[in-house]
Amino acid sequence: MTATAATAAPVTELARFQRFYSEVLDLTLEQFQIEIAEEVFSDRREALILLPRGNGKSTLLAAIGLWHLLSRADPQIAVGAASREQAAVLFDVARGMAAHPVIAPRVEITRREIRTPTGFLKSCRLRRPEAARLDSHAGDCGRVALTLPDSRSPPTALPPMSPSE
């Protein structure tokens, strides 16, 4: 017996993200990135990702942020870091992805934001307490953060962050 659309297992958000990552962005997820994405798309409220510099954190987090922007009703995404320069690296990756011909017609790209009619992805510099918390865990790893509102409930307010200028 073959599975039909009615009896096939539902496609998970992780599976849809993997398809977006490979077919739209033309990138390949490494196994460790799949494990990170599994955590991000799980019911967990927070994930701490510690990887040495140069291991694809910015690319993966930019893609997750952009996916959230394009797939949620009222998305409010903040990409941040302890410094403006670090936040800019992650945002620049997201901005480059958003310029893709499939994505660009659905978004408006500005210097510090990628907007849809109902939401935004914004570059922020973490305030001192949040930056210190990130630094205390990071050691020699890059220090970047992606804040997504809880997908199980309507977004309320962004965590305490200030726009990078």
N, C-alpha and C. Protein backbone atom coordinates (compact mmCIF):
# COMPACT_ATOMS: atom_id res chain seq x y z
N MET A 1 0.85 -1.18 0.00
CA MET A 1 0.00 0.00 0.00
C MET A 1 0.89 1.24 0.00
N THR A 2 0.54 2.21 -0.81
CA THR A 2 1.33 3.44 -0.87
C THR A 2 0.65 4.52 -0.04
N ALA A 3 1.47 5.40 0.48
CA ALA A 3 0.92 6.49 1.30
C ALA A 3 0.31 7.55 0.40
N THR A 4 -0.80 8.07 0.81
CA THR A 4 -1.43 9.18 0.08
C THR A 4 -1.24 10.44 0.89
N ALA A 5 -1.61 11.55 0.30
CA ALA A 5 -1.47 12.82 1.02
C ALA A 5 -2.24 12.80 2.33
N ALA A 6 -3.39 12.10 2.35
CA ALA A 6 -4.21 12.06 3.55
C ALA A 6 -3.59 11.21 4.65
N THR A 7 -2.82 10.18 4.28
CA THR A 7 -2.26 9.29 5.29
C THR A 7 -0.77 9.52 5.51
N ALA A 8 -0.14 10.35 4.71
CA ALA A 8 1.29 10.61 4.87
C ALA A 8 1.53 11.38 6.16
N ALA A 9 2.70 11.15 6.74
CA ALA A 9 3.06 11.88 7.95
C ALA A 9 3.13 13.37 7.65
N PRO A 10 2.70 14.21 8.59
CA PRO A 10 2.77 15.65 8.34
C PRO A 10 4.22 16.11 8.19
N VAL A 11 4.41 17.08 7.34
CA VAL A 11 5.74 17.64 7.13
C VAL A 11 6.03 18.58 8.29
N THR A 12 7.16 18.38 8.95
CA THR A 12 7.51 19.20 10.10
C THR A 12 8.09 20.54 9.65
N GLU A 13 8.10 21.47 10.58
CA GLU A 13 8.72 22.76 10.27
C GLU A 13 10.21 22.58 9.97
N LEU A 14 10.85 21.67 10.68
CA LEU A 14 12.26 21.39 10.41
C LEU A 14 12.44 20.91 8.97
N ALA A 15 11.59 20.02 8.50
CA ALA A 15 11.70 19.52 7.13
C ALA A 15 11.47 20.64 6.12
N ARG A 16 10.51 21.52 6.40
CA ARG A 16 10.27 22.65 5.50
C ARG A 16 11.47 23.59 5.49
N PHE A 17 12.07 23.83 6.68
CA PHE A 17 13.25 24.67 6.75
C PHE A 17 14.41 24.05 5.97
N GLN A 18 14.61 22.75 6.12
CA GLN A 18 15.69 22.07 5.40
C GLN A 18 15.51 22.22 3.89
N ARG A 19 14.27 22.12 3.42
CA ARG A 19 14.00 22.29 2.00
C ARG A 19 14.30 23.73 1.57
N PHE A 20 13.87 24.71 2.35
CA PHE A 20 14.16 26.12 2.10
C PHE A 20 15.68 26.34 2.03
N TYR A 21 16.41 25.78 2.98
CA TYR A 21 17.85 25.95 3.08
C TYR A 21 18.55 25.39 1.84
N SER A 22 18.11 24.22 1.40
CA SER A 22 18.79 23.58 0.27
C SER A 22 18.27 24.05 -1.08
N GLU A 23 16.95 24.17 -1.24
CA GLU A 23 16.40 24.49 -2.56
C GLU A 23 16.35 25.98 -2.87
N VAL A 24 16.07 26.80 -1.88
CA VAL A 24 16.00 28.24 -2.13
C VAL A 24 17.36 28.89 -1.94
N LEU A 25 18.00 28.60 -0.81
CA LEU A 25 19.29 29.23 -0.52
C LEU A 25 20.46 28.50 -1.17
N ASP A 26 20.20 27.30 -1.68
CA ASP A 26 21.22 26.49 -2.34
C ASP A 26 22.42 26.21 -1.43
N LEU A 27 22.11 25.90 -0.17
CA LEU A 27 23.13 25.57 0.81
C LEU A 27 22.87 24.16 1.35
N THR A 28 23.90 23.55 1.90
CA THR A 28 23.76 22.21 2.46
C THR A 28 23.95 22.27 3.96
N LEU A 29 23.00 21.72 4.69
CA LEU A 29 23.12 21.65 6.15
C LEU A 29 24.06 20.51 6.52
N GLU A 30 25.04 20.81 7.34
CA GLU A 30 25.90 19.77 7.91
C GLU A 30 25.12 19.09 9.03
N GLN A 31 25.54 17.91 9.45
CA GLN A 31 24.82 17.18 10.48
C GLN A 31 24.70 17.99 11.78
N PHE A 32 25.77 18.67 12.19
CA PHE A 32 25.69 19.45 13.43
C PHE A 32 24.71 20.61 13.28
N GLN A 33 24.56 21.16 12.07
CA GLN A 33 23.60 22.24 11.85
C GLN A 33 22.17 21.70 11.90
N ILE A 34 21.97 20.48 11.42
CA ILE A 34 20.66 19.85 11.51
C ILE A 34 20.29 19.66 12.98
N GLU A 35 21.26 19.23 13.79
CA GLU A 35 21.01 19.04 15.22
C GLU A 35 20.65 20.36 15.89
N ILE A 36 21.33 21.43 15.50
CA ILE A 36 21.02 22.76 16.05
C ILE A 36 19.61 23.17 15.61
N ALA A 37 19.30 23.00 14.34
CA ALA A 37 17.97 23.36 13.83
C ALA A 37 16.88 22.54 14.53
N GLU A 38 17.15 21.26 14.80
CA GLU A 38 16.18 20.44 15.53
C GLU A 38 15.86 21.06 16.89
N GLU A 39 16.87 21.55 17.57
CA GLU A 39 16.66 22.20 18.87
C GLU A 39 15.87 23.49 18.71
N VAL A 40 16.24 24.28 17.71
CA VAL A 40 15.56 25.56 17.49
C VAL A 40 14.08 25.35 17.18
N PHE A 41 13.77 24.32 16.39
CA PHE A 41 12.38 24.06 16.01
C PHE A 41 11.66 23.12 16.97
N SER A 42 12.29 22.79 18.08
CA SER A 42 11.65 21.94 19.09
C SER A 42 10.79 22.81 20.00
N ASP A 43 10.25 22.22 21.06
CA ASP A 43 9.45 22.96 22.03
C ASP A 43 10.30 23.70 23.06
N ARG A 44 11.60 23.59 22.95
CA ARG A 44 12.47 24.28 23.90
C ARG A 44 12.32 25.79 23.72
N ARG A 45 12.43 26.50 24.82
CA ARG A 45 12.29 27.95 24.77
C ARG A 45 13.61 28.65 24.48
N GLU A 46 14.73 27.97 24.70
CA GLU A 46 16.02 28.60 24.52
C GLU A 46 17.05 27.56 24.13
N ALA A 47 17.97 27.93 23.27
CA ALA A 47 19.06 27.04 22.89
C ALA A 47 20.35 27.84 22.93
N LEU A 48 21.36 27.28 23.54
CA LEU A 48 22.68 27.89 23.59
C LEU A 48 23.55 27.13 22.61
N ILE A 49 24.10 27.82 21.63
CA ILE A 49 24.90 27.20 20.59
C ILE A 49 26.32 27.70 20.72
N LEU A 50 27.23 26.82 21.03
CA LEU A 50 28.63 27.19 21.17
C LEU A 50 29.44 26.49 20.09
N LEU A 51 29.97 27.27 19.19
CA LEU A 51 30.81 26.75 18.11
C LEU A 51 31.97 27.70 17.91
N PRO A 52 33.14 27.17 17.55
CA PRO A 52 34.26 28.07 17.25
C PRO A 52 33.94 28.96 16.06
N ARG A 53 34.66 30.04 15.96
CA ARG A 53 34.48 30.95 14.83
C ARG A 53 34.66 30.18 13.52
N GLY A 54 33.91 30.62 12.51
CA GLY A 54 34.08 30.04 11.18
C GLY A 54 33.37 28.72 10.95
N ASN A 55 32.40 28.38 11.79
CA ASN A 55 31.71 27.10 11.63
C ASN A 55 30.26 27.25 11.19
N GLY A 56 29.89 28.37 10.64
CA GLY A 56 28.57 28.52 10.04
C GLY A 56 27.46 28.97 10.95
N LYS A 57 27.78 29.51 12.13
CA LYS A 57 26.72 30.01 13.03
C LYS A 57 25.93 31.13 12.37
N SER A 58 26.63 32.10 11.82
CA SER A 58 25.95 33.25 11.23
C SER A 58 25.08 32.83 10.06
N THR A 59 25.57 31.96 9.22
CA THR A 59 24.78 31.50 8.07
C THR A 59 23.54 30.76 8.54
N LEU A 60 23.70 29.84 9.48
CA LEU A 60 22.56 29.07 9.96
C LEU A 60 21.55 29.97 10.67
N LEU A 61 22.01 30.83 11.57
CA LEU A 61 21.08 31.69 12.30
C LEU A 61 20.41 32.71 11.39
N ALA A 62 21.13 33.22 10.39
CA ALA A 62 20.52 34.14 9.43
C ALA A 62 19.42 33.42 8.65
N ALA A 63 19.68 32.18 8.24
CA ALA A 63 18.67 31.41 7.50
C ALA A 63 17.46 31.11 8.37
N ILE A 64 17.69 30.75 9.63
CA ILE A 64 16.57 30.48 10.55
C ILE A 64 15.75 31.76 10.76
N GLY A 65 16.43 32.88 10.95
CA GLY A 65 15.71 34.15 11.12
C GLY A 65 14.91 34.52 9.88
N LEU A 66 15.49 34.34 8.72
CA LEU A 66 14.79 34.65 7.48
C LEU A 66 13.62 33.70 7.27
N TRP A 67 13.81 32.41 7.57
CA TRP A 67 12.72 31.44 7.48
C TRP A 67 11.56 31.86 8.38
N HIS A 68 11.89 32.26 9.60
CA HIS A 68 10.86 32.69 10.56
C HIS A 68 10.12 33.92 10.01
N LEU A 69 10.88 34.85 9.45
CA LEU A 69 10.28 36.07 8.88
C LEU A 69 9.29 35.73 7.78
N LEU A 70 9.62 34.75 6.96
CA LEU A 70 8.78 34.43 5.81
C LEU A 70 7.67 33.44 6.11
N SER A 71 7.75 32.74 7.25
CA SER A 71 6.78 31.67 7.50
C SER A 71 5.84 31.93 8.67
N ARG A 72 5.98 33.03 9.38
CA ARG A 72 5.13 33.33 10.53
C ARG A 72 4.17 34.46 10.21
N ALA A 73 3.10 34.52 10.98
CA ALA A 73 2.07 35.54 10.77
C ALA A 73 2.57 36.95 11.13
N ASP A 74 3.07 37.14 12.31
CA ASP A 74 3.53 38.47 12.75
C ASP A 74 4.94 38.36 13.33
N PRO A 75 5.93 38.10 12.48
CA PRO A 75 7.28 37.85 12.99
C PRO A 75 7.98 39.10 13.49
N GLN A 76 8.69 38.95 14.60
CA GLN A 76 9.54 40.00 15.16
C GLN A 76 10.85 39.33 15.54
N ILE A 77 11.84 39.43 14.68
CA ILE A 77 13.09 38.72 14.87
C ILE A 77 14.20 39.73 15.13
N ALA A 78 15.00 39.47 16.15
CA ALA A 78 16.16 40.31 16.44
C ALA A 78 17.40 39.46 16.27
N VAL A 79 18.35 39.94 15.48
CA VAL A 79 19.66 39.31 15.42
C VAL A 79 20.61 40.25 16.13
N GLY A 80 21.32 39.71 17.10
CA GLY A 80 22.14 40.59 17.92
C GLY A 80 23.45 39.98 18.32
N ALA A 81 24.29 40.81 18.88
CA ALA A 81 25.60 40.39 19.36
C ALA A 81 26.08 41.42 20.37
N ALA A 82 27.22 41.12 20.98
CA ALA A 82 27.77 42.01 21.99
C ALA A 82 28.26 43.33 21.41
N SER A 83 28.56 43.35 20.12
CA SER A 83 29.01 44.60 19.49
C SER A 83 28.22 44.84 18.20
N ARG A 84 28.22 46.08 17.76
CA ARG A 84 27.55 46.41 16.51
C ARG A 84 28.16 45.64 15.35
N GLU A 85 29.48 45.52 15.36
CA GLU A 85 30.18 44.84 14.27
C GLU A 85 29.77 43.37 14.18
N GLN A 86 29.68 42.70 15.33
CA GLN A 86 29.28 41.30 15.33
C GLN A 86 27.83 41.14 14.87
N ALA A 87 26.95 42.04 15.32
CA ALA A 87 25.56 41.99 14.89
C ALA A 87 25.46 42.25 13.39
N ALA A 88 26.29 43.14 12.87
CA ALA A 88 26.27 43.46 11.44
C ALA A 88 26.66 42.27 10.59
N VAL A 89 27.59 41.45 11.06
CA VAL A 89 28.01 40.27 10.29
C VAL A 89 26.81 39.35 10.07
N LEU A 90 26.10 39.03 11.14
CA LEU A 90 24.96 38.13 11.03
C LEU A 90 23.86 38.77 10.17
N PHE A 91 23.59 40.05 10.37
CA PHE A 91 22.55 40.72 9.60
C PHE A 91 22.92 40.80 8.12
N ASP A 92 24.20 41.04 7.82
CA ASP A 92 24.64 41.11 6.43
C ASP A 92 24.43 39.78 5.71
N VAL A 93 24.64 38.68 6.42
CA VAL A 93 24.38 37.36 5.83
C VAL A 93 22.89 37.23 5.52
N ALA A 94 22.04 37.62 6.48
CA ALA A 94 20.59 37.56 6.26
C ALA A 94 20.17 38.47 5.12
N ARG A 95 20.76 39.65 5.05
CA ARG A 95 20.42 40.60 3.97
C ARG A 95 20.81 40.01 2.61
N GLY A 96 21.97 39.36 2.53
CA GLY A 96 22.38 38.72 1.29
C GLY A 96 21.42 37.62 0.87
N MET A 97 20.97 36.82 1.84
CA MET A 97 19.99 35.76 1.55
C MET A 97 18.67 36.37 1.09
N ALA A 98 18.25 37.47 1.72
CA ALA A 98 16.98 38.10 1.38
C ALA A 98 16.99 38.71 -0.02
N ALA A 99 18.17 38.98 -0.56
CA ALA A 99 18.28 39.53 -1.91
C ALA A 99 18.10 38.46 -2.99
N HIS A 100 17.97 37.20 -2.58
CA HIS A 100 17.77 36.10 -3.54
C HIS A 100 16.52 36.39 -4.38
N PRO A 101 16.53 36.10 -5.67
CA PRO A 101 15.39 36.42 -6.54
C PRO A 101 14.05 35.81 -6.10
N VAL A 102 14.08 34.70 -5.40
CA VAL A 102 12.83 34.10 -4.93
C VAL A 102 12.30 34.85 -3.70
N ILE A 103 13.20 35.40 -2.89
CA ILE A 103 12.82 36.03 -1.63
C ILE A 103 12.62 37.54 -1.78
N ALA A 104 13.45 38.20 -2.57
CA ALA A 104 13.45 39.67 -2.67
C ALA A 104 12.07 40.28 -2.95
N PRO A 105 11.23 39.69 -3.80
CA PRO A 105 9.92 40.31 -4.02
C PRO A 105 9.00 40.28 -2.80
N ARG A 106 9.31 39.45 -1.83
CA ARG A 106 8.46 39.31 -0.64
C ARG A 106 8.90 40.18 0.52
N VAL A 107 10.06 40.86 0.39
CA VAL A 107 10.61 41.64 1.50
C VAL A 107 11.06 43.02 1.04
N GLU A 108 11.21 43.89 2.02
CA GLU A 108 11.84 45.19 1.80
C GLU A 108 13.12 45.19 2.63
N ILE A 109 14.24 45.45 1.98
CA ILE A 109 15.54 45.40 2.65
C ILE A 109 16.03 46.82 2.88
N THR A 110 16.28 47.16 4.15
CA THR A 110 16.85 48.47 4.49
C THR A 110 18.22 48.24 5.14
N ARG A 111 18.80 49.31 5.61
CA ARG A 111 20.14 49.20 6.21
C ARG A 111 20.15 48.31 7.45
N ARG A 112 19.11 48.40 8.29
CA ARG A 112 19.08 47.65 9.54
C ARG A 112 17.92 46.68 9.68
N GLU A 113 17.06 46.59 8.67
CA GLU A 113 15.88 45.73 8.78
C GLU A 113 15.59 45.03 7.47
N ILE A 114 14.99 43.87 7.59
CA ILE A 114 14.36 43.20 6.47
C ILE A 114 12.90 43.11 6.88
N ARG A 115 12.01 43.71 6.07
CA ARG A 115 10.61 43.81 6.46
C ARG A 115 9.71 43.03 5.49
N THR A 116 8.65 42.50 6.05
CA THR A 116 7.53 41.98 5.28
C THR A 116 6.34 42.87 5.64
N PRO A 117 5.21 42.71 4.98
CA PRO A 117 4.06 43.55 5.34
C PRO A 117 3.62 43.40 6.80
N THR A 118 3.95 42.27 7.44
CA THR A 118 3.47 42.03 8.80
C THR A 118 4.57 41.90 9.85
N GLY A 119 5.83 42.00 9.47
CA GLY A 119 6.87 41.79 10.48
C GLY A 119 8.24 42.27 10.02
N PHE A 120 9.25 41.94 10.84
CA PHE A 120 10.60 42.40 10.55
C PHE A 120 11.65 41.47 11.13
N LEU A 121 12.83 41.56 10.56
CA LEU A 121 14.06 40.99 11.10
C LEU A 121 14.98 42.19 11.26
N LYS A 122 15.47 42.41 12.47
CA LYS A 122 16.19 43.64 12.79
C LYS A 122 17.55 43.32 13.40
N SER A 123 18.54 44.12 13.06
CA SER A 123 19.87 44.01 13.65
C SER A 123 19.92 44.84 14.93
N CYS A 124 20.40 44.23 16.01
CA CYS A 124 20.45 44.90 17.31
C CYS A 124 21.79 44.64 17.99
N ARG A 125 22.16 45.55 18.84
CA ARG A 125 23.30 45.33 19.72
C ARG A 125 22.72 45.00 21.08
N LEU A 126 23.18 43.90 21.68
CA LEU A 126 22.68 43.50 22.99
C LEU A 126 23.11 44.53 24.03
N ARG A 127 22.23 44.82 24.95
CA ARG A 127 22.59 45.71 26.07
C ARG A 127 23.57 44.99 26.97
N ARG A 128 24.22 45.70 27.82
CA ARG A 128 25.30 45.17 28.64
C ARG A 128 24.97 43.88 29.39
N PRO A 129 23.86 43.75 30.13
CA PRO A 129 23.60 42.51 30.86
C PRO A 129 23.45 41.29 29.94
N GLU A 130 22.77 41.50 28.79
CA GLU A 130 22.59 40.39 27.87
C GLU A 130 23.91 40.02 27.19
N ALA A 131 24.72 41.04 26.87
CA ALA A 131 26.02 40.79 26.25
C ALA A 131 26.93 40.05 27.22
N ALA A 132 26.90 40.43 28.48
CA ALA A 132 27.73 39.76 29.49
C ALA A 132 27.30 38.30 29.64
N ARG A 133 26.01 38.05 29.61
CA ARG A 133 25.51 36.68 29.70
C ARG A 133 25.99 35.86 28.51
N LEU A 134 25.93 36.44 27.32
CA LEU A 134 26.40 35.76 26.12
C LEU A 134 27.90 35.53 26.20
N ASP A 135 28.66 36.54 26.64
CA ASP A 135 30.11 36.40 26.76
C ASP A 135 30.50 35.36 27.79
N SER A 136 29.76 35.23 28.88
CA SER A 136 30.12 34.29 29.93
C SER A 136 30.04 32.84 29.44
N HIS A 137 29.22 32.58 28.43
CA HIS A 137 29.09 31.23 27.89
C HIS A 137 30.01 30.99 26.71
N ALA A 138 30.41 32.04 26.01
CA ALA A 138 31.00 31.88 24.70
C ALA A 138 32.48 31.50 24.68
N GLY A 139 33.25 31.91 25.67
CA GLY A 139 34.67 31.59 25.64
C GLY A 139 35.31 32.10 24.37
N ASP A 140 35.92 31.22 23.58
CA ASP A 140 36.59 31.60 22.35
C ASP A 140 35.68 31.48 21.13
N CYS A 141 34.39 31.31 21.36
CA CYS A 141 33.45 31.17 20.26
C CYS A 141 32.97 32.54 19.82
N GLY A 142 32.43 32.61 18.63
CA GLY A 142 31.79 33.83 18.18
C GLY A 142 30.57 34.10 19.04
N ARG A 143 30.22 35.35 19.19
CA ARG A 143 29.11 35.72 20.08
C ARG A 143 28.00 36.37 19.27
N VAL A 144 27.03 35.58 18.87
CA VAL A 144 25.88 36.11 18.16
C VAL A 144 24.62 35.52 18.76
N ALA A 145 23.50 36.20 18.59
CA ALA A 145 22.23 35.73 19.14
C ALA A 145 21.13 35.96 18.13
N LEU A 146 20.16 35.10 18.16
CA LEU A 146 18.96 35.23 17.35
C LEU A 146 17.79 35.07 18.29
N THR A 147 16.92 36.06 18.35
CA THR A 147 15.76 36.01 19.23
C THR A 147 14.51 35.88 18.40
N LEU A 148 13.80 34.77 18.62
CA LEU A 148 12.53 34.52 17.94
C LEU A 148 11.44 34.50 18.99
N PRO A 149 10.33 35.18 18.76
CA PRO A 149 9.23 35.07 19.71
C PRO A 149 8.77 33.62 19.80
N ASP A 150 8.19 33.24 20.91
CA ASP A 150 7.67 31.90 21.11
C ASP A 150 6.65 31.62 20.01
N SER A 151 6.90 30.61 19.18
CA SER A 151 6.02 30.34 18.04
C SER A 151 4.70 29.73 18.48
N ARG A 152 4.59 29.31 19.74
CA ARG A 152 3.34 28.71 20.22
C ARG A 152 2.36 29.76 20.72
N SER A 153 2.82 30.97 20.88
CA SER A 153 1.93 32.04 21.35
C SER A 153 2.19 33.29 20.53
N PRO A 154 1.26 34.24 20.51
CA PRO A 154 1.47 35.46 19.73
C PRO A 154 2.68 36.23 20.27
N PRO A 155 3.47 36.86 19.39
CA PRO A 155 4.60 37.64 19.85
C PRO A 155 4.14 38.78 20.76
N THR A 156 4.92 39.06 21.77
CA THR A 156 4.59 40.19 22.63
C THR A 156 5.62 41.27 22.38
N ALA A 157 6.61 41.38 23.20
CA ALA A 157 7.64 42.39 23.00
C ALA A 157 8.99 41.71 22.82
N LEU A 158 9.87 42.40 22.13
CA LEU A 158 11.22 41.88 21.97
C LEU A 158 11.95 41.94 23.32
N PRO A 159 12.91 41.05 23.54
CA PRO A 159 13.71 41.16 24.75
C PRO A 159 14.48 42.47 24.75
N PRO A 160 15.01 42.89 25.88
CA PRO A 160 15.67 44.19 25.94
C PRO A 160 16.88 44.26 25.03
N MET A 161 16.74 44.98 23.93
CA MET A 161 17.82 45.17 22.97
C MET A 161 17.72 46.60 22.47
N SER A 162 18.83 47.12 21.99
CA SER A 162 18.81 48.47 21.45
C SER A 162 19.23 48.40 19.99
N PRO A 163 18.63 49.23 19.12
CA PRO A 163 19.01 49.23 17.71
C PRO A 163 20.48 49.59 17.55
N SER A 164 21.18 48.89 16.68
CA SER A 164 22.59 49.25 16.43
C SER A 164 22.61 50.42 15.46
N GLU A 165 23.45 51.36 15.76
CA GLU A 165 23.52 52.55 14.91
C GLU A 165 24.93 52.87 14.57
